[in-house]
Amino acid sequence: MLISIAQAQLFFLAITRILATLIHVPVLGGNSIPTQVRIAFGFVLALVMLPWQPLPASAESLGLFAFTLAIVKEILIGTLAGFAAELTFAVVQIAGEAMGLESGFSSSRVFNPSMGDSGSAYNQLFIMVAMMVFFIVDGHHIVLMALQRTFDVIPLNGPLPMESMEALMRTTAGLIAAGIQLALPVIAALFVTDLALGLLARVAPQVQIFFLGLPLKVAISMVALGLLVVMALPAVSNLYGMIGNRMLLLIGK
């Protein structure tokens, strides 16, 4: 089987879109995954996802300028699709940071290689639980299926989506609000704890509120996190279940 230059260019464009998407998904192509593994994974996915149909005899290869422009377009399309997945994981980070800020864990920061940044131990624990939920609901399969559907929505070297900015803003605002709502139960419990400690300081000034409050807030935050994980599992599962629709929405479907 002979592979024409036009087919080779389409294959390279497919790899470009796939890699531009996967680098935004922490569990599939994040900073913790070696570059060689990411490239090999993108190569295998391109072999599977690209419909290997013979091109017409009249199909011509792209010139240098046209091919460079096509690569830039595929990077932009892949970045838009991947950014939707990254926003979904950012919801978990926002919720973890909001909860860890008031719990007393924010004074220590721990590097998280899967997400590529640092956070409190409380935040890391919440992210690890959310990552397990991601695999339990087959979120990685949802991402790969949505990635394959992007080739149906926008063919290789197709036009750029021109109406994605409004969808991007609405999706970003909605997911930020979802992250805050996810953390609200723990924030509310810690707020009530601060209020109770403030009243105790007024009633009994001789009580050392600082030494009493820190371990108390840590204990209450851990209990609240345990209850939140049980109560919020359906919401987190639904969050990951819609990740494919968000990817397709941002590229103009």
C-alpha atoms as a PDB file:
ATOM      1  CA  MET A   1       0.000   0.000   0.000  1.00  0.00           C
ATOM      2  CA  LEU A   2       1.453   3.314  -1.095  1.00  0.00           C
ATOM      3  CA  ILE A   3       0.914   6.345   1.102  1.00  0.00           C
ATOM      4  CA  SER A   4       0.714   9.619  -0.750  1.00  0.00           C
ATOM      5  CA  ILE A   5       2.057  12.904   0.530  1.00  0.00           C
ATOM      6  CA  ALA A   6      -1.524  14.134   0.976  1.00  0.00           C
ATOM      7  CA  GLN A   7      -2.336  11.150   3.239  1.00  0.00           C
ATOM      8  CA  ALA A   8       0.830  11.683   5.253  1.00  0.00           C
ATOM      9  CA  GLN A   9      -0.098  15.335   5.748  1.00  0.00           C
ATOM     10  CA  LEU A  10      -3.596  14.422   6.931  1.00  0.00           C
ATOM     11  CA  PHE A  11      -2.114  11.902   9.368  1.00  0.00           C
ATOM     12  CA  PHE A  12       0.241  14.536  10.765  1.00  0.00           C
ATOM     13  CA  LEU A  13      -2.670  16.984  11.130  1.00  0.00           C
ATOM     14  CA  ALA A  14      -4.635  14.313  13.012  1.00  0.00           C
ATOM     15  CA  ILE A  15      -1.727  13.732  15.413  1.00  0.00           C
ATOM     16  CA  THR A  16      -1.440  17.496  15.912  1.00  0.00           C
ATOM     17  CA  ARG A  17      -5.109  17.833  16.913  1.00  0.00           C
ATOM     18  CA  ILE A  18      -4.987  14.787  19.178  1.00  0.00           C
ATOM     19  CA  LEU A  19      -1.854  15.916  21.019  1.00  0.00           C
ATOM     20  CA  ALA A  20      -3.136  19.488  21.325  1.00  0.00           C
ATOM     21  CA  THR A  21      -6.213  18.059  23.056  1.00  0.00           C
ATOM     22  CA  LEU A  22      -4.561  15.457  25.272  1.00  0.00           C
ATOM     23  CA  ILE A  23      -2.008  17.794  26.847  1.00  0.00           C
ATOM     24  CA  HIS A  24      -4.936  19.530  28.575  1.00  0.00           C
ATOM     25  CA  VAL A  25      -6.262  16.282  30.097  1.00  0.00           C
ATOM     26  CA  PRO A  26      -4.157  15.570  33.216  1.00  0.00           C
ATOM     27  CA  VAL A  27      -4.792  11.829  33.376  1.00  0.00           C
ATOM     28  CA  LEU A  28      -4.153  11.207  29.667  1.00  0.00           C
ATOM     29  CA  GLY A  29      -1.484  13.688  28.608  1.00  0.00           C
ATOM     30  CA  GLY A  30      -0.590  15.878  31.565  1.00  0.00           C
ATOM     31  CA  ASN A  31       2.831  17.024  32.707  1.00  0.00           C
ATOM     32  CA  SER A  32       3.355  13.837  34.715  1.00  0.00           C
ATOM     33  CA  ILE A  33       3.333  11.734  31.523  1.00  0.00           C
ATOM     34  CA  PRO A  34       6.660  11.597  29.598  1.00  0.00           C
ATOM     35  CA  THR A  35       6.730  13.310  26.221  1.00  0.00           C
ATOM     36  CA  GLN A  36       7.669  10.085  24.427  1.00  0.00           C
ATOM     37  CA  VAL A  37       4.627   8.334  25.874  1.00  0.00           C
ATOM     38  CA  ARG A  38       2.328  11.192  24.867  1.00  0.00           C
ATOM     39  CA  ILE A  39       3.635  11.186  21.289  1.00  0.00           C
ATOM     40  CA  ALA A  40       3.318   7.400  21.040  1.00  0.00           C
ATOM     41  CA  PHE A  41      -0.204   7.550  22.469  1.00  0.00           C
ATOM     42  CA  GLY A  42      -1.155  10.255  19.969  1.00  0.00           C
ATOM     43  CA  PHE A  43       0.302   8.185  17.121  1.00  0.00           C
ATOM     44  CA  VAL A  44      -1.747   5.120  18.125  1.00  0.00           C
ATOM     45  CA  LEU A  45      -4.929   7.180  18.537  1.00  0.00           C
ATOM     46  CA  ALA A  46      -4.417   8.751  15.111  1.00  0.00           C
ATOM     47  CA  LEU A  47      -4.123   5.287  13.583  1.00  0.00           C
ATOM     48  CA  VAL A  48      -7.376   4.240  15.233  1.00  0.00           C
ATOM     49  CA  MET A  49      -9.425   7.423  14.845  1.00  0.00           C
ATOM     50  CA  LEU A  50      -8.441   8.576  11.372  1.00  0.00           C
ATOM     51  CA  PRO A  51     -10.721   7.001   8.743  1.00  0.00           C
ATOM     52  CA  TRP A  52      -8.259   5.408   6.342  1.00  0.00           C
ATOM     53  CA  GLN A  53     -10.131   5.894   3.103  1.00  0.00           C
ATOM     54  CA  PRO A  54      -8.313   6.186  -0.206  1.00  0.00           C
ATOM     55  CA  LEU A  55      -8.083   9.774  -1.371  1.00  0.00           C
ATOM     56  CA  PRO A  56      -9.262  10.630  -4.857  1.00  0.00           C
ATOM     57  CA  ALA A  57      -6.602  10.714  -7.529  1.00  0.00           C
ATOM     58  CA  SER A  58      -7.114  14.447  -7.888  1.00  0.00           C
ATOM     59  CA  ALA A  59      -6.185  15.087  -4.240  1.00  0.00           C
ATOM     60  CA  GLU A  60      -3.067  17.194  -4.062  1.00  0.00           C
ATOM     61  CA  SER A  61      -0.656  17.752  -1.231  1.00  0.00           C
ATOM     62  CA  LEU A  62      -0.623  21.096   0.538  1.00  0.00           C
ATOM     63  CA  GLY A  63       2.096  23.614  -0.031  1.00  0.00           C
ATOM     64  CA  LEU A  64       4.393  24.716   2.773  1.00  0.00           C
ATOM     65  CA  PHE A  65       2.374  27.819   3.682  1.00  0.00           C
ATOM     66  CA  ALA A  66      -0.988  26.033   3.433  1.00  0.00           C
ATOM     67  CA  PHE A  67       0.291  23.083   5.472  1.00  0.00           C
ATOM     68  CA  THR A  68       1.661  25.394   8.178  1.00  0.00           C
ATOM     69  CA  LEU A  69      -1.678  27.208   8.319  1.00  0.00           C
ATOM     70  CA  ALA A  70      -3.476  23.855   8.600  1.00  0.00           C
ATOM     71  CA  ILE A  71      -1.231  22.851  11.515  1.00  0.00           C
ATOM     72  CA  VAL A  72      -2.042  26.105  13.313  1.00  0.00           C
ATOM     73  CA  LYS A  73      -5.775  25.505  12.794  1.00  0.00           C
ATOM     74  CA  GLU A  74      -5.536  21.966  14.169  1.00  0.00           C
ATOM     75  CA  ILE A  75      -3.651  23.234  17.222  1.00  0.00           C
ATOM     76  CA  LEU A  76      -6.386  25.802  17.860  1.00  0.00           C
ATOM     77  CA  ILE A  77      -9.166  23.234  17.442  1.00  0.00           C
ATOM     78  CA  GLY A  78      -7.400  20.753  19.708  1.00  0.00           C
ATOM     79  CA  THR A  79      -6.731  23.462  22.278  1.00  0.00           C
ATOM     80  CA  LEU A  80     -10.404  24.459  22.347  1.00  0.00           C
ATOM     81  CA  ALA A  81     -11.525  20.854  22.823  1.00  0.00           C
ATOM     82  CA  GLY A  82      -8.851  20.194  25.438  1.00  0.00           C
ATOM     83  CA  PHE A  83      -9.608  23.404  27.286  1.00  0.00           C
ATOM     84  CA  ALA A  84     -13.148  22.165  27.908  1.00  0.00           C
ATOM     85  CA  ALA A  85     -11.698  19.068  29.568  1.00  0.00           C
ATOM     86  CA  GLU A  86      -9.224  21.193  31.522  1.00  0.00           C
ATOM     87  CA  LEU A  87     -12.059  23.415  32.763  1.00  0.00           C
ATOM     88  CA  THR A  88     -13.855  20.341  34.082  1.00  0.00           C
ATOM     89  CA  PHE A  89     -10.824  19.329  36.133  1.00  0.00           C
ATOM     90  CA  ALA A  90     -10.437  22.952  37.220  1.00  0.00           C
ATOM     91  CA  VAL A  91     -13.831  22.676  38.934  1.00  0.00           C
ATOM     92  CA  VAL A  92     -12.321  20.095  41.279  1.00  0.00           C
ATOM     93  CA  GLN A  93      -9.294  22.328  41.886  1.00  0.00           C
ATOM     94  CA  ILE A  94     -11.473  25.366  42.621  1.00  0.00           C
ATOM     95  CA  ALA A  95     -13.576  23.374  45.073  1.00  0.00           C
ATOM     96  CA  GLY A  96     -10.513  21.895  46.785  1.00  0.00           C
ATOM     97  CA  GLU A  97      -8.778  25.265  47.099  1.00  0.00           C
ATOM     98  CA  ALA A  98     -11.928  26.940  48.433  1.00  0.00           C
ATOM     99  CA  MET A  99     -12.353  24.229  51.064  1.00  0.00           C
ATOM    100  CA  GLY A 100      -8.664  24.092  52.010  1.00  0.00           C
ATOM    101  CA  LEU A 101      -8.434  27.868  52.387  1.00  0.00           C
ATOM    102  CA  GLU A 102     -10.601  27.925  55.508  1.00  0.00           C
ATOM    103  CA  SER A 103      -9.728  24.513  56.919  1.00  0.00           C
ATOM    104  CA  GLY A 104      -6.241  25.358  58.186  1.00  0.00           C
ATOM    105  CA  PHE A 105      -4.407  23.253  55.594  1.00  0.00           C
ATOM    106  CA  SER A 106      -3.546  26.164  53.303  1.00  0.00           C
ATOM    107  CA  SER A 107      -0.384  26.997  55.270  1.00  0.00           C
ATOM    108  CA  SER A 108       1.363  23.989  53.703  1.00  0.00           C
ATOM    109  CA  ARG A 109       1.587  23.405  49.970  1.00  0.00           C
ATOM    110  CA  VAL A 110       2.216  20.055  48.261  1.00  0.00           C
ATOM    111  CA  PHE A 111       3.143  19.645  44.599  1.00  0.00           C
ATOM    112  CA  ASN A 112       0.644  17.621  42.592  1.00  0.00           C
ATOM    113  CA  PRO A 113       2.342  16.151  39.497  1.00  0.00           C
ATOM    114  CA  SER A 114      -0.924  15.015  37.898  1.00  0.00           C
ATOM    115  CA  MET A 115      -2.334  18.560  37.808  1.00  0.00           C
ATOM    116  CA  GLY A 116       1.023  20.303  37.368  1.00  0.00           C
ATOM    117  CA  ASP A 117       0.678  22.705  40.301  1.00  0.00           C
ATOM    118  CA  SER A 118       0.758  22.801  44.076  1.00  0.00           C
ATOM    119  CA  GLY A 119      -2.024  22.883  46.609  1.00  0.00           C
ATOM    120  CA  SER A 120      -2.842  22.130  50.197  1.00  0.00           C
ATOM    121  CA  ALA A 121      -2.961  18.571  51.470  1.00  0.00           C
ATOM    122  CA  TYR A 122      -6.732  18.972  51.780  1.00  0.00           C
ATOM    123  CA  ASN A 123      -6.932  20.004  48.128  1.00  0.00           C
ATOM    124  CA  GLN A 124      -4.765  17.065  47.032  1.00  0.00           C
ATOM    125  CA  LEU A 125      -6.952  14.594  48.912  1.00  0.00           C
ATOM    126  CA  PHE A 126     -10.097  15.956  47.271  1.00  0.00           C
ATOM    127  CA  ILE A 127      -8.446  15.862  43.824  1.00  0.00           C
ATOM    128  CA  MET A 128      -7.330  12.247  44.311  1.00  0.00           C
ATOM    129  CA  VAL A 129     -10.874  11.200  45.208  1.00  0.00           C
ATOM    130  CA  ALA A 130     -12.241  13.112  42.190  1.00  0.00           C
ATOM    131  CA  MET A 131      -9.669  11.429  39.913  1.00  0.00           C
ATOM    132  CA  MET A 132     -10.822   8.006  41.093  1.00  0.00           C
ATOM    133  CA  VAL A 133     -14.399   9.012  40.326  1.00  0.00           C
ATOM    134  CA  PHE A 134     -13.239  10.069  36.838  1.00  0.00           C
ATOM    135  CA  PHE A 135     -11.995   6.552  36.095  1.00  0.00           C
ATOM    136  CA  ILE A 136     -14.960   4.885  37.796  1.00  0.00           C
ATOM    137  CA  VAL A 137     -17.427   6.663  35.472  1.00  0.00           C
ATOM    138  CA  ASP A 138     -15.172   5.909  32.437  1.00  0.00           C
ATOM    139  CA  GLY A 139     -14.367   9.572  31.939  1.00  0.00           C
ATOM    140  CA  HIS A 140     -11.265   8.661  29.933  1.00  0.00           C
ATOM    141  CA  HIS A 141     -13.459   6.773  27.465  1.00  0.00           C
ATOM    142  CA  ILE A 142     -15.801   9.766  27.222  1.00  0.00           C
ATOM    143  CA  VAL A 143     -12.860  12.057  26.423  1.00  0.00           C
ATOM    144  CA  LEU A 144     -11.517   9.722  23.722  1.00  0.00           C
ATOM    145  CA  MET A 145     -14.936   9.282  22.115  1.00  0.00           C
ATOM    146  CA  ALA A 146     -15.472  13.057  22.084  1.00  0.00           C
ATOM    147  CA  LEU A 147     -12.015  13.481  20.574  1.00  0.00           C
ATOM    148  CA  GLN A 148     -12.935  11.073  17.785  1.00  0.00           C
ATOM    149  CA  ARG A 149     -16.195  12.958  17.143  1.00  0.00           C
ATOM    150  CA  THR A 150     -14.303  16.206  16.656  1.00  0.00           C
ATOM    151  CA  PHE A 151     -13.139  14.813  13.311  1.00  0.00           C
ATOM    152  CA  ASP A 152     -16.796  14.481  12.283  1.00  0.00           C
ATOM    153  CA  VAL A 153     -17.716  17.980  13.491  1.00  0.00           C
ATOM    154  CA  ILE A 154     -14.671  19.677  11.933  1.00  0.00           C
ATOM    155  CA  PRO A 155     -12.812  17.612   9.335  1.00  0.00           C
ATOM    156  CA  LEU A 156      -9.060  17.833   9.058  1.00  0.00           C
ATOM    157  CA  ASN A 157      -7.993  21.175   7.605  1.00  0.00           C
ATOM    158  CA  GLY A 158     -11.581  22.346   8.007  1.00  0.00           C
ATOM    159  CA  PRO A 159     -12.719  25.878   8.880  1.00  0.00           C
ATOM    160  CA  LEU A 160     -12.167  27.234  12.352  1.00  0.00           C
ATOM    161  CA  PRO A 161     -15.234  27.558  14.626  1.00  0.00           C
ATOM    162  CA  MET A 162     -16.140  31.247  14.622  1.00  0.00           C
ATOM    163  CA  GLU A 163     -18.831  31.191  17.345  1.00  0.00           C
ATOM    164  CA  SER A 164     -16.847  29.500  20.110  1.00  0.00           C
ATOM    165  CA  MET A 165     -16.070  32.606  22.162  1.00  0.00           C
ATOM    166  CA  GLU A 166     -19.589  32.970  23.588  1.00  0.00           C
ATOM    167  CA  ALA A 167     -19.761  29.235  24.361  1.00  0.00           C
ATOM    168  CA  LEU A 168     -16.319  29.455  25.979  1.00  0.00           C
ATOM    169  CA  MET A 169     -17.372  32.313  28.255  1.00  0.00           C
ATOM    170  CA  ARG A 170     -20.638  30.649  29.255  1.00  0.00           C
ATOM    171  CA  THR A 171     -18.950  27.308  29.912  1.00  0.00           C
ATOM    172  CA  THR A 172     -16.161  28.906  31.958  1.00  0.00           C
ATOM    173  CA  ALA A 173     -18.596  30.914  34.086  1.00  0.00           C
ATOM    174  CA  GLY A 174     -20.817  27.883  34.662  1.00  0.00           C
ATOM    175  CA  LEU A 175     -17.944  25.634  35.725  1.00  0.00           C
ATOM    176  CA  ILE A 176     -16.470  28.231  38.097  1.00  0.00           C
ATOM    177  CA  ALA A 177     -19.889  28.531  39.731  1.00  0.00           C
ATOM    178  CA  ALA A 178     -20.098  24.720  39.909  1.00  0.00           C
ATOM    179  CA  GLY A 179     -16.750  24.585  41.730  1.00  0.00           C
ATOM    180  CA  ILE A 180     -17.896  27.092  44.337  1.00  0.00           C
ATOM    181  CA  GLN A 181     -21.233  25.307  44.774  1.00  0.00           C
ATOM    182  CA  LEU A 182     -19.414  22.010  45.251  1.00  0.00           C
ATOM    183  CA  ALA A 183     -17.370  23.502  48.099  1.00  0.00           C
ATOM    184  CA  LEU A 184     -20.271  25.342  49.763  1.00  0.00           C
ATOM    185  CA  PRO A 185     -21.174  22.624  52.329  1.00  0.00           C
ATOM    186  CA  VAL A 186     -17.637  22.544  53.732  1.00  0.00           C
ATOM    187  CA  ILE A 187     -17.332  26.340  53.596  1.00  0.00           C
ATOM    188  CA  ALA A 188     -20.654  26.681  55.436  1.00  0.00           C
ATOM    189  CA  ALA A 189     -19.562  24.220  58.144  1.00  0.00           C
ATOM    190  CA  LEU A 190     -16.294  26.106  58.670  1.00  0.00           C
ATOM    191  CA  PHE A 191     -18.129  29.434  58.709  1.00  0.00           C
ATOM    192  CA  VAL A 192     -20.441  28.190  61.471  1.00  0.00           C
ATOM    193  CA  THR A 193     -17.354  26.954  63.342  1.00  0.00           C
ATOM    194  CA  ASP A 194     -15.717  30.396  63.094  1.00  0.00           C
ATOM    195  CA  LEU A 195     -18.941  32.013  64.266  1.00  0.00           C
ATOM    196  CA  ALA A 196     -19.170  29.666  67.247  1.00  0.00           C
ATOM    197  CA  LEU A 197     -15.519  30.291  68.148  1.00  0.00           C
ATOM    198  CA  GLY A 198     -16.085  34.053  67.937  1.00  0.00           C
ATOM    199  CA  LEU A 199     -19.056  33.826  70.287  1.00  0.00           C
ATOM    200  CA  LEU A 200     -17.035  31.624  72.643  1.00  0.00           C
ATOM    201  CA  ALA A 201     -14.252  34.209  72.686  1.00  0.00           C
ATOM    202  CA  ARG A 202     -16.757  36.867  73.746  1.00  0.00           C
ATOM    203  CA  VAL A 203     -18.379  34.703  76.400  1.00  0.00           C
ATOM    204  CA  ALA A 204     -15.183  33.173  77.815  1.00  0.00           C
ATOM    205  CA  PRO A 205     -12.197  35.405  77.018  1.00  0.00           C
ATOM    206  CA  GLN A 206      -9.877  33.205  79.066  1.00  0.00           C
ATOM    207  CA  VAL A 207     -10.239  30.350  76.547  1.00  0.00           C
ATOM    208  CA  GLN A 208      -7.345  30.157  74.090  1.00  0.00           C
ATOM    209  CA  ILE A 209      -9.412  30.296  70.888  1.00  0.00           C
ATOM    210  CA  PHE A 210      -6.434  30.066  68.555  1.00  0.00           C
ATOM    211  CA  PHE A 211      -5.152  26.788  70.033  1.00  0.00           C
ATOM    212  CA  LEU A 212      -8.670  25.410  70.295  1.00  0.00           C
ATOM    213  CA  GLY A 213      -9.875  26.588  66.891  1.00  0.00           C
ATOM    214  CA  LEU A 214      -7.145  25.141  64.660  1.00  0.00           C
ATOM    215  CA  PRO A 215      -7.550  21.441  65.545  1.00  0.00           C
ATOM    216  CA  LEU A 216     -11.319  21.895  65.764  1.00  0.00           C
ATOM    217  CA  LYS A 217     -11.509  23.332  62.235  1.00  0.00           C
ATOM    218  CA  VAL A 218      -9.264  20.563  60.915  1.00  0.00           C
ATOM    219  CA  ALA A 219     -11.515  17.894  62.447  1.00  0.00           C
ATOM    220  CA  ILE A 220     -14.728  19.535  61.217  1.00  0.00           C
ATOM    221  CA  SER A 221     -13.317  20.024  57.716  1.00  0.00           C
ATOM    222  CA  MET A 222     -12.344  16.342  57.466  1.00  0.00           C
ATOM    223  CA  VAL A 223     -15.776  15.199  58.665  1.00  0.00           C
ATOM    224  CA  ALA A 224     -17.445  17.612  56.250  1.00  0.00           C
ATOM    225  CA  LEU A 225     -15.246  16.349  53.403  1.00  0.00           C
ATOM    226  CA  GLY A 226     -16.258  12.762  54.133  1.00  0.00           C
ATOM    227  CA  LEU A 227     -19.928  13.700  54.057  1.00  0.00           C
ATOM    228  CA  LEU A 228     -19.409  15.820  50.931  1.00  0.00           C
ATOM    229  CA  VAL A 229     -17.766  12.978  49.020  1.00  0.00           C
ATOM    230  CA  VAL A 230     -20.770  10.752  49.708  1.00  0.00           C
ATOM    231  CA  MET A 231     -23.335  13.431  48.892  1.00  0.00           C
ATOM    232  CA  ALA A 232     -21.561  14.980  45.894  1.00  0.00           C
ATOM    233  CA  LEU A 233     -20.657  11.785  44.021  1.00  0.00           C
ATOM    234  CA  PRO A 234     -23.671  12.095  41.664  1.00  0.00           C
ATOM    235  CA  ALA A 235     -22.794  15.740  40.923  1.00  0.00           C
ATOM    236  CA  VAL A 236     -19.137  14.912  40.234  1.00  0.00           C
ATOM    237  CA  SER A 237     -20.126  11.929  38.093  1.00  0.00           C
ATOM    238  CA  ASN A 238     -22.489  14.121  36.072  1.00  0.00           C
ATOM    239  CA  LEU A 239     -19.728  16.720  35.758  1.00  0.00           C
ATOM    240  CA  TYR A 240     -17.429  14.157  34.166  1.00  0.00           C
ATOM    241  CA  GLY A 241     -20.234  12.618  32.131  1.00  0.00           C
ATOM    242  CA  MET A 242     -20.791  15.944  30.325  1.00  0.00           C
ATOM    243  CA  ILE A 243     -17.130  16.497  29.521  1.00  0.00           C
ATOM    244  CA  GLY A 244     -17.539  15.183  25.973  1.00  0.00           C
ATOM    245  CA  ASN A 245     -20.463  17.499  25.246  1.00  0.00           C
ATOM    246  CA  ARG A 246     -18.431  20.482  26.459  1.00  0.00           C
ATOM    247  CA  MET A 247     -15.531  19.536  24.195  1.00  0.00           C
ATOM    248  CA  LEU A 248     -17.821  19.432  21.181  1.00  0.00           C
ATOM    249  CA  LEU A 249     -19.656  22.604  22.248  1.00  0.00           C
ATOM    250  CA  LEU A 250     -16.478  24.687  22.269  1.00  0.00           C
ATOM    251  CA  ILE A 251     -15.580  23.672  18.734  1.00  0.00           C
ATOM    252  CA  GLY A 252     -18.924  24.780  17.405  1.00  0.00           C
ATOM    253  CA  LYS A 253     -21.280  21.784  17.510  1.00  0.00           C
END
